[in-house]
Protein backbone atom coordinates (compact mmCIF):
# COMPACT_ATOMS: atom_id res chain seq x y z
CA MET A 1 147.12 98.98 96.00
CA GLY A 2 146.46 97.75 99.84
CA ARG A 3 144.39 94.18 99.68
CA VAL A 4 140.85 94.67 101.10
CA PRO A 5 140.23 93.34 104.22
CA GLN A 6 137.61 89.73 104.11
CA THR A 7 135.57 91.44 106.57
CA ARG A 8 135.24 94.49 103.87
CA MET A 9 134.80 92.58 101.31
CA GLN A 10 132.06 90.61 102.54
CA GLY A 11 129.85 93.65 103.84
CA LEU A 12 130.80 94.89 100.02
CA ARG A 13 129.77 91.46 98.48
CA ALA A 14 126.57 91.78 100.64
CA ALA A 15 125.64 95.88 100.11
CA LEU A 16 126.36 94.67 96.35
CA SER A 17 124.01 91.74 96.65
CA LEU A 18 121.22 94.01 98.27
CA CYS A 19 121.64 96.73 95.66
CA LEU A 20 120.63 94.17 92.96
CA MET A 21 117.35 93.15 94.68
CA LEU A 22 116.62 96.40 95.59
CA THR A 23 116.64 97.66 92.16
CA GLY A 24 114.92 95.10 90.36
CA THR A 25 117.32 92.79 89.06
CA ALA A 26 115.54 89.77 87.86
CA ALA A 27 116.96 86.69 89.54
CA ALA A 28 116.44 82.87 89.06
CA ALA A 29 113.92 81.18 91.77
CA GLY A 30 114.57 78.19 90.45
CA GLY A 31 113.52 76.17 87.28
CA ASN A 32 112.30 79.01 85.00
CA ARG A 33 110.73 81.25 87.89
CA LEU A 34 112.29 84.44 87.75
CA ALA A 35 111.39 87.51 89.55
CA TRP A 36 111.75 91.30 89.83
CA THR A 37 111.62 93.11 93.26
CA ARG A 38 111.25 97.23 93.27
CA ASP A 39 111.06 99.48 96.61
CA VAL A 40 109.73 102.75 96.50
CA THR A 41 108.35 105.31 99.01
CA SER A 42 105.44 107.51 97.70
CA THR A 43 104.96 111.19 97.47
CA GLY A 44 103.28 112.31 100.72
CA LEU A 45 99.44 111.75 101.87
CA GLN A 46 97.85 115.24 102.85
CA SER A 47 94.53 114.90 103.02
CA ALA A 48 91.77 111.37 104.75
CA GLY A 49 90.65 109.75 101.36
CA THR A 50 92.84 111.46 98.71
CA PRO A 51 94.48 108.12 97.29
CA VAL A 52 98.17 108.65 96.25
CA ALA A 53 99.51 106.16 93.42
CA VAL A 54 103.24 104.71 93.11
CA ALA A 55 104.10 102.59 90.11
CA PHE A 56 106.54 99.65 90.60
CA GLY A 57 108.15 98.19 87.64
CA PRO A 58 111.31 96.24 86.62
CA ALA A 59 114.25 98.16 86.76
CA ARG A 60 115.22 99.67 83.07
CA HIS A 61 118.39 97.00 82.51
CA SER A 62 116.63 94.00 83.94
CA VAL A 63 115.10 92.28 81.27
CA VAL A 64 111.56 90.78 81.31
CA PRO A 65 110.87 88.47 78.29
CA THR A 66 108.29 89.12 76.14
CA GLY A 67 105.81 87.22 76.73
CA ALA A 68 106.41 86.31 80.67
CA VAL A 69 103.66 86.14 83.11
CA ILE A 70 103.00 86.49 86.13
CA THR A 71 102.90 83.79 89.28
CA GLY A 72 102.65 85.34 92.13
CA VAL A 73 102.86 89.07 93.73
CA TYR A 74 103.65 89.96 97.26
CA ALA A 75 103.11 93.54 98.70
CA SER A 76 104.10 94.81 101.57
CA ARG A 77 103.72 98.77 103.10
CA GLN A 78 105.43 100.62 106.07
CA TYR A 79 104.50 104.10 107.38
CA ASP A 80 105.19 105.76 110.98
CA GLY A 81 102.07 107.31 112.67
CA ALA A 82 99.14 106.01 114.00
CA ALA A 83 96.74 106.84 110.87
CA VAL A 84 94.81 104.12 109.46
CA VAL A 85 95.96 104.02 105.99
CA ALA A 86 93.90 101.39 103.18
CA THR A 87 96.34 100.25 100.83
CA ASP A 88 95.42 98.77 97.39
CA LEU A 89 97.74 96.69 94.84
CA CYS A 90 96.95 97.33 90.74
CA TRP A 91 97.88 95.51 88.17
CA GLY A 92 98.33 98.00 84.69
CA SER A 93 97.09 101.04 86.09
CA PRO A 94 95.72 102.62 89.60
CA ASP A 95 92.34 101.97 88.56
CA GLY A 96 93.11 97.70 88.69
CA PRO A 97 92.18 95.07 88.63
CA CYS A 98 93.03 95.83 92.59
CA VAL A 99 93.29 93.90 95.65
CA PRO A 100 92.97 94.92 98.86
CA VAL A 101 96.35 94.59 100.84
CA GLY A 102 95.56 93.90 104.52
CA GLY A 103 97.72 94.81 106.98
CA ALA A 104 101.26 94.99 106.31
CA SER A 105 101.80 92.74 103.41
CA LEU A 106 99.99 90.61 101.01
CA ASN A 107 100.72 87.48 98.84
CA THR A 108 98.35 86.94 96.32
CA HIS A 109 98.06 85.17 92.65
CA ALA A 110 95.10 87.68 91.84
CA PHE A 111 97.21 88.67 88.85
CA ASP A 112 98.99 84.92 87.48
CA GLY A 113 98.69 85.24 83.68
CA ARG A 114 98.89 88.80 83.21
CA ARG A 115 101.80 90.83 81.88
CA ALA A 116 104.70 90.44 84.46
CA ALA A 117 106.58 93.97 82.75
CA GLY A 118 103.62 95.16 84.83
CA PRO A 119 102.98 97.78 85.96
CA MET A 120 101.99 97.33 89.51
CA TRP A 121 100.48 100.35 91.75
CA LEU A 122 100.20 100.72 95.34
CA VAL A 123 97.45 102.89 95.89
CA HIS A 124 97.55 104.69 99.84
CA ARG A 125 94.51 106.58 101.29
CA VAL A 126 94.56 107.61 104.79
CA LEU A 127 91.05 106.65 106.45
CA ASN A 128 91.74 108.06 109.73
CA TRP A 129 94.38 110.21 110.87
CA ARG A 130 93.86 109.58 114.64
CA SER A 131 96.36 111.77 116.13
CA GLY A 132 98.76 111.44 112.93
CA HIS A 133 99.25 114.52 110.79
CA ALA A 134 100.08 115.19 106.89
CA PRO A 135 102.38 114.85 105.18
CA LEU A 136 102.75 110.40 105.95
CA PHE A 137 105.07 109.21 103.41
CA VAL A 138 104.55 105.19 103.10
CA ARG A 139 107.30 102.78 101.62
CA GLY A 140 106.09 100.06 99.14
CA THR A 141 107.60 97.17 98.26
CA VAL A 142 106.41 94.96 95.37
CA THR A 143 108.14 91.38 94.20
CA VAL A 144 106.43 89.92 90.42
CA TRP A 145 107.29 86.78 90.49
CA PHE A 146 107.22 85.27 86.47
CA SER A 147 107.29 82.56 84.07
CA ARG A 148 109.17 83.05 80.47
CA LEU A 149 106.39 80.36 79.18
CA PRO A 150 102.47 81.28 79.60
CA HIS A 151 100.92 78.48 81.47
CA PRO A 152 98.61 75.64 79.91
């Protein structure tokens, strides 16, 4: 069996790192602060005003300790097309509590102290199709930073 060339090994390491990040593996972010990340694409938005909710949670193989609490959340969304889309980031259920994602991304502490395992939700609604048309797919990313110990 031959040796794997150095450049290919670097590419494999980078791909493995990316896969671990995208599957939501908890990663140390300094001290007692950890995070999970998920990327999910919505089902197609079909009509204006009808919400499409997408659930986000830690990967099944990652461990979010019992009692871990949120210390910050990042959410982003991306879609192709001219439609105007409103997106809310919600904790627990699509009904919230929620905060609007203004623009392409949001960093928030609105959910600090809540259970870190989530689930988090992105709820998308087409406000205006403009020159776009159905279906519209929205790619979302949610990162939840958490602490193993509740804040005092």
